[in-house]
Amino acid sequence: MKQNYEEWFSFVGEQDLPLADLDVILMRKDPPFDTEFIYATYILERAEEKGTLIVNKPQSLRGL
């Protein structure tokens, strides 16, 4: 992530990492919200408990 409004992130490729090793996770999904989405929010909630900042709180996303 960068402090640049026009180019605030850059994709450098896929990596398999433990979510708790990340500083920030931005969660964004357009409807429909399916079972896979609900499971993802529970996984993100565990990463949040370990100190990762989750933008768009998992608990709030489930309440949509």
N, C-alpha and C. Protein backbone atom coordinates (compact mmCIF):
# COMPACT_ATOMS: atom_id res chain seq x y z
N MET A 1 0.84 -1.16 0.00
CA MET A 1 0.00 0.00 0.00
C MET A 1 0.89 1.23 0.00
N LYS A 2 0.36 2.30 -0.61
CA LYS A 2 1.13 3.53 -0.75
C LYS A 2 0.25 4.73 -0.40
N GLN A 3 0.89 5.82 -0.02
CA GLN A 3 0.16 7.06 0.21
C GLN A 3 0.09 7.83 -1.09
N ASN A 4 -0.63 7.30 -2.05
CA ASN A 4 -0.79 7.91 -3.35
C ASN A 4 -2.23 7.63 -3.78
N TYR A 5 -3.04 8.66 -3.91
CA TYR A 5 -4.46 8.47 -4.19
C TYR A 5 -4.73 7.84 -5.56
N GLU A 6 -3.81 8.01 -6.49
CA GLU A 6 -4.03 7.45 -7.83
C GLU A 6 -3.51 6.02 -7.96
N GLU A 7 -2.47 5.69 -7.23
CA GLU A 7 -1.89 4.34 -7.27
C GLU A 7 -1.59 3.91 -5.84
N TRP A 8 -2.64 3.49 -5.12
CA TRP A 8 -2.49 3.23 -3.69
C TRP A 8 -2.07 1.80 -3.36
N PHE A 9 -1.97 0.95 -4.38
CA PHE A 9 -1.45 -0.40 -4.16
C PHE A 9 -0.84 -0.89 -5.46
N SER A 10 -0.02 -1.93 -5.36
CA SER A 10 0.51 -2.57 -6.57
C SER A 10 0.49 -4.08 -6.34
N PHE A 11 0.04 -4.80 -7.35
CA PHE A 11 -0.03 -6.26 -7.30
C PHE A 11 1.30 -6.82 -7.78
N VAL A 12 1.95 -7.60 -6.94
CA VAL A 12 3.26 -8.13 -7.29
C VAL A 12 3.24 -9.65 -7.49
N GLY A 13 2.08 -10.26 -7.36
CA GLY A 13 1.97 -11.69 -7.57
C GLY A 13 1.34 -12.38 -6.38
N GLU A 14 0.93 -13.61 -6.60
CA GLU A 14 0.28 -14.39 -5.54
C GLU A 14 1.32 -15.03 -4.63
N GLN A 15 0.96 -15.11 -3.35
CA GLN A 15 1.78 -15.79 -2.36
C GLN A 15 0.86 -16.47 -1.36
N ASP A 16 1.27 -17.61 -0.86
CA ASP A 16 0.55 -18.26 0.24
C ASP A 16 1.20 -17.84 1.54
N LEU A 17 0.45 -17.08 2.35
CA LEU A 17 0.96 -16.57 3.63
C LEU A 17 -0.10 -16.77 4.70
N PRO A 18 0.33 -16.99 5.94
CA PRO A 18 -0.65 -16.97 7.03
C PRO A 18 -1.25 -15.57 7.15
N LEU A 19 -2.56 -15.48 7.27
CA LEU A 19 -3.20 -14.17 7.34
C LEU A 19 -2.71 -13.36 8.53
N ALA A 20 -2.37 -14.02 9.62
CA ALA A 20 -1.90 -13.32 10.81
C ALA A 20 -0.53 -12.68 10.60
N ASP A 21 0.19 -13.06 9.54
CA ASP A 21 1.49 -12.44 9.23
C ASP A 21 1.34 -11.12 8.49
N LEU A 22 0.13 -10.81 8.04
CA LEU A 22 -0.10 -9.58 7.28
C LEU A 22 -0.43 -8.43 8.22
N ASP A 23 -0.06 -7.22 7.82
CA ASP A 23 -0.37 -6.03 8.61
C ASP A 23 -1.82 -5.59 8.41
N VAL A 24 -2.28 -5.63 7.15
CA VAL A 24 -3.62 -5.13 6.80
C VAL A 24 -4.25 -6.05 5.77
N ILE A 25 -5.55 -6.31 5.91
CA ILE A 25 -6.32 -7.03 4.89
C ILE A 25 -7.53 -6.17 4.56
N LEU A 26 -7.70 -5.88 3.29
CA LEU A 26 -8.86 -5.12 2.81
C LEU A 26 -9.87 -6.12 2.26
N MET A 27 -11.03 -6.20 2.90
CA MET A 27 -12.08 -7.14 2.47
C MET A 27 -13.13 -6.37 1.69
N ARG A 28 -13.32 -6.75 0.43
CA ARG A 28 -14.32 -6.11 -0.42
C ARG A 28 -14.96 -7.17 -1.29
N LYS A 29 -16.28 -7.28 -1.25
CA LYS A 29 -17.01 -8.24 -2.09
C LYS A 29 -18.36 -7.65 -2.43
N ASP A 30 -18.72 -7.77 -3.67
CA ASP A 30 -20.05 -7.35 -4.11
C ASP A 30 -21.03 -8.49 -3.89
N PRO A 31 -22.30 -8.16 -3.64
CA PRO A 31 -23.31 -9.22 -3.48
C PRO A 31 -23.37 -10.09 -4.72
N PRO A 32 -23.83 -11.29 -4.64
CA PRO A 32 -24.50 -11.92 -3.49
C PRO A 32 -23.47 -12.41 -2.47
N PHE A 33 -23.89 -12.43 -1.22
CA PHE A 33 -23.07 -12.94 -0.14
C PHE A 33 -23.46 -14.40 0.09
N ASP A 34 -22.57 -15.30 -0.28
CA ASP A 34 -22.87 -16.73 -0.20
C ASP A 34 -22.18 -17.37 1.01
N THR A 35 -22.30 -18.66 1.13
CA THR A 35 -21.71 -19.39 2.25
C THR A 35 -20.20 -19.23 2.28
N GLU A 36 -19.57 -19.25 1.12
CA GLU A 36 -18.11 -19.07 1.05
C GLU A 36 -17.70 -17.72 1.65
N PHE A 37 -18.48 -16.69 1.36
CA PHE A 37 -18.22 -15.36 1.91
C PHE A 37 -18.34 -15.37 3.44
N ILE A 38 -19.37 -16.00 3.96
CA ILE A 38 -19.56 -16.08 5.42
C ILE A 38 -18.39 -16.79 6.07
N TYR A 39 -17.94 -17.90 5.49
CA TYR A 39 -16.78 -18.62 6.03
C TYR A 39 -15.54 -17.74 6.01
N ALA A 40 -15.36 -16.97 4.94
CA ALA A 40 -14.20 -16.07 4.83
C ALA A 40 -14.20 -15.05 5.96
N THR A 41 -15.38 -14.55 6.35
CA THR A 41 -15.43 -13.57 7.44
C THR A 41 -15.00 -14.19 8.76
N TYR A 42 -15.31 -15.46 8.98
CA TYR A 42 -14.87 -16.13 10.21
C TYR A 42 -13.35 -16.31 10.21
N ILE A 43 -12.78 -16.63 9.06
CA ILE A 43 -11.33 -16.76 8.96
C ILE A 43 -10.66 -15.41 9.20
N LEU A 44 -11.22 -14.35 8.62
CA LEU A 44 -10.66 -13.01 8.83
C LEU A 44 -10.77 -12.58 10.29
N GLU A 45 -11.83 -12.99 10.94
CA GLU A 45 -12.00 -12.66 12.35
C GLU A 45 -10.88 -13.27 13.19
N ARG A 46 -10.46 -14.48 12.86
CA ARG A 46 -9.34 -15.12 13.58
C ARG A 46 -8.04 -14.35 13.35
N ALA A 47 -7.80 -13.90 12.11
CA ALA A 47 -6.60 -13.10 11.83
C ALA A 47 -6.63 -11.80 12.61
N GLU A 48 -7.82 -11.19 12.72
CA GLU A 48 -7.98 -9.95 13.47
C GLU A 48 -7.63 -10.17 14.95
N GLU A 49 -8.04 -11.30 15.50
CA GLU A 49 -7.73 -11.63 16.90
C GLU A 49 -6.23 -11.75 17.13
N LYS A 50 -5.48 -12.09 16.08
CA LYS A 50 -4.03 -12.25 16.19
C LYS A 50 -3.29 -10.96 15.86
N GLY A 51 -4.03 -9.86 15.60
CA GLY A 51 -3.39 -8.56 15.44
C GLY A 51 -3.41 -7.95 14.06
N THR A 52 -3.93 -8.65 13.06
CA THR A 52 -4.02 -8.10 11.71
C THR A 52 -5.16 -7.10 11.64
N LEU A 53 -4.90 -5.93 11.03
CA LEU A 53 -5.95 -4.94 10.83
C LEU A 53 -6.82 -5.39 9.66
N ILE A 54 -8.10 -5.60 9.90
CA ILE A 54 -9.04 -5.98 8.85
C ILE A 54 -9.88 -4.75 8.53
N VAL A 55 -9.73 -4.23 7.31
CA VAL A 55 -10.54 -3.10 6.87
C VAL A 55 -11.87 -3.66 6.42
N ASN A 56 -12.95 -3.18 6.98
CA ASN A 56 -14.31 -3.72 6.87
C ASN A 56 -14.40 -4.93 7.80
N LYS A 57 -14.75 -4.65 9.03
CA LYS A 57 -14.78 -5.67 10.08
C LYS A 57 -15.60 -6.89 9.68
N PRO A 58 -15.06 -8.09 9.91
CA PRO A 58 -15.78 -9.32 9.56
C PRO A 58 -17.17 -9.41 10.20
N GLN A 59 -17.29 -9.01 11.47
CA GLN A 59 -18.58 -9.08 12.15
C GLN A 59 -19.60 -8.17 11.46
N SER A 60 -19.15 -7.00 11.03
CA SER A 60 -20.05 -6.06 10.34
C SER A 60 -20.47 -6.58 8.97
N LEU A 61 -19.54 -7.24 8.28
CA LEU A 61 -19.86 -7.78 6.96
C LEU A 61 -20.92 -8.87 7.05
N ARG A 62 -20.88 -9.68 8.10
CA ARG A 62 -21.88 -10.73 8.26
C ARG A 62 -23.25 -10.14 8.54
N GLY A 63 -23.30 -8.93 9.08
CA GLY A 63 -24.56 -8.30 9.42
C GLY A 63 -25.27 -7.67 8.23
N LEU A 64 -24.65 -7.72 7.04
CA LEU A 64 -25.27 -7.10 5.85
C LEU A 64 -26.48 -7.86 5.38
